[in-house]
Amino acid sequence: MKNTVITLAAELLLLAACMHDPVVPTTPQISFKDDITPIVVGNCAQSGCHDGGREGFALKNYEEVMRHVNAGQPYKSKLFTVMASNGPNRMPPNNPLPNEQVKLVYIWILQGAQDN
């Protein structure tokens, strides 16, 4: 019994040691204007989607996008999680974004989701 408890404690310590904050890349600096806006406007803020019409919320500018982003926390940001999803809630629904674009959104959020 004592060996089982020690083994379990050691496994929990190892598991905790593996959990850490991601390293935030400082270069390249992802730009909202130059990198993120073309992704969001070109894939999300279109007529019938997130242009403020049928879906009930728009994604046409920084303020609107930030309602769905937790700066520094991509996995707590709906904008990123729906883009990275493989399930039925994936956005855009019929044409998933290329991995490179999803990665840019991820890094931008990690870098603080700045309006730059």
Protein backbone atom coordinates (compact mmCIF):
# COMPACT_ATOMS: atom_id res chain seq x y z
CA MET A 1 0.00 0.00 0.00
CA LYS A 2 2.79 2.40 0.95
CA ASN A 3 4.61 1.68 -2.35
CA THR A 4 1.41 2.38 -4.28
CA VAL A 5 1.00 5.76 -2.58
CA ILE A 6 4.65 6.66 -3.24
CA THR A 7 4.34 5.60 -6.88
CA LEU A 8 1.12 7.59 -7.30
CA ALA A 9 2.70 10.66 -5.69
CA ALA A 10 5.74 10.37 -7.98
CA GLU A 11 3.50 10.09 -11.06
CA LEU A 12 1.51 13.15 -10.01
CA LEU A 13 4.73 15.13 -9.54
CA LEU A 14 5.94 14.10 -12.99
CA LEU A 15 2.60 15.04 -14.52
CA ALA A 16 2.66 18.44 -12.81
CA ALA A 17 6.23 19.00 -13.98
CA CYS A 18 5.13 18.50 -17.60
CA MET A 19 2.46 21.18 -17.36
CA HIS A 20 3.93 24.58 -18.07
CA ASP A 21 3.08 27.78 -19.82
CA PRO A 22 3.89 27.78 -23.52
CA VAL A 23 6.94 29.68 -24.64
CA VAL A 24 5.71 32.84 -26.32
CA PRO A 25 7.63 33.49 -29.54
CA THR A 26 8.75 37.08 -29.82
CA THR A 27 9.52 36.88 -33.52
CA PRO A 28 7.87 37.21 -35.80
CA GLN A 29 5.59 39.75 -34.12
CA ILE A 30 2.12 38.91 -35.44
CA SER A 31 0.18 41.98 -36.56
CA PHE A 32 -3.58 42.24 -36.12
CA LYS A 33 -3.85 44.58 -39.10
CA ASP A 34 -1.54 42.70 -41.48
CA ASP A 35 -1.89 39.06 -40.37
CA ILE A 36 -5.12 38.50 -38.43
CA THR A 37 -7.57 40.88 -40.13
CA PRO A 38 -7.17 39.20 -43.55
CA ILE A 39 -7.86 35.79 -41.97
CA VAL A 40 -10.92 36.90 -40.02
CA VAL A 41 -12.42 39.19 -42.66
CA GLY A 42 -11.69 36.76 -45.48
CA ASN A 43 -13.15 33.73 -43.71
CA CYS A 44 -15.52 34.89 -40.97
CA ALA A 45 -16.85 38.43 -41.50
CA GLN A 46 -18.64 37.63 -44.72
CA SER A 47 -22.28 38.11 -45.63
CA GLY A 48 -24.38 35.50 -43.87
CA CYS A 49 -21.72 34.70 -41.29
CA HIS A 50 -20.11 37.08 -38.81
CA ASP A 51 -20.83 40.34 -40.56
CA GLY A 52 -23.32 41.32 -37.85
CA GLY A 53 -26.34 39.82 -39.57
CA ARG A 54 -27.69 36.32 -39.10
CA GLU A 55 -25.12 35.11 -36.57
CA GLY A 56 -25.86 37.94 -34.17
CA PHE A 57 -22.30 39.17 -33.79
CA ALA A 58 -19.75 40.65 -36.11
CA LEU A 59 -16.03 40.08 -36.47
CA LYS A 60 -15.22 43.09 -38.62
CA ASN A 61 -12.80 44.99 -36.37
CA TYR A 62 -10.44 44.61 -33.42
CA GLU A 63 -13.04 45.43 -30.76
CA GLU A 64 -15.48 42.84 -32.11
CA VAL A 65 -12.79 40.16 -32.44
CA MET A 66 -11.57 40.81 -28.89
CA ARG A 67 -15.00 39.91 -27.50
CA HIS A 68 -14.01 36.33 -28.40
CA VAL A 69 -10.33 36.41 -27.36
CA ASN A 70 -8.59 36.09 -24.00
CA ALA A 71 -5.24 37.74 -24.63
CA GLY A 72 -2.37 35.38 -23.86
CA GLN A 73 -4.69 32.36 -23.61
CA PRO A 74 -5.51 30.80 -26.99
CA TYR A 75 -7.23 27.74 -25.47
CA LYS A 76 -9.56 30.05 -23.54
CA SER A 77 -10.29 32.10 -26.67
CA LYS A 78 -13.34 31.07 -28.65
CA LEU A 79 -11.87 32.60 -31.82
CA PHE A 80 -8.96 30.16 -31.70
CA THR A 81 -10.74 27.09 -30.34
CA VAL A 82 -13.38 27.05 -33.09
CA MET A 83 -10.71 27.55 -35.77
CA ALA A 84 -8.58 24.72 -34.35
CA SER A 85 -11.50 22.35 -33.75
CA ASN A 86 -12.03 19.19 -35.76
CA GLY A 87 -15.57 18.77 -34.49
CA PRO A 88 -18.99 20.04 -35.54
CA ASN A 89 -18.33 23.51 -34.07
CA ARG A 90 -15.34 24.14 -36.36
CA MET A 91 -15.24 27.50 -38.09
CA PRO A 92 -15.46 28.16 -40.89
CA PRO A 93 -17.74 25.14 -41.10
CA ASN A 94 -17.32 24.08 -44.73
CA ASN A 95 -13.73 25.04 -45.40
CA PRO A 96 -11.27 24.69 -42.51
CA LEU A 97 -8.48 27.21 -42.33
CA PRO A 98 -4.99 26.15 -43.37
CA ASN A 99 -2.81 25.19 -40.40
CA GLU A 100 -0.55 28.17 -41.06
CA GLN A 101 -3.44 30.60 -40.53
CA VAL A 102 -4.58 28.85 -37.35
CA LYS A 103 -0.99 29.00 -36.12
CA LEU A 104 -0.85 32.77 -36.77
CA VAL A 105 -4.02 33.29 -34.70
CA TYR A 106 -2.56 31.11 -31.94
CA ILE A 107 0.72 33.05 -31.82
CA TRP A 108 -1.06 36.41 -32.02
CA ILE A 109 -3.18 35.50 -28.98
CA LEU A 110 -0.11 34.16 -27.13
CA GLN A 111 1.69 37.43 -27.87
CA GLY A 112 -1.10 39.34 -26.13
CA ALA A 113 -3.60 39.84 -28.99
CA GLN A 114 -2.39 43.38 -29.58
CA ASP A 115 -4.08 45.90 -31.87
CA ASN A 116 -0.99 46.43 -33.98
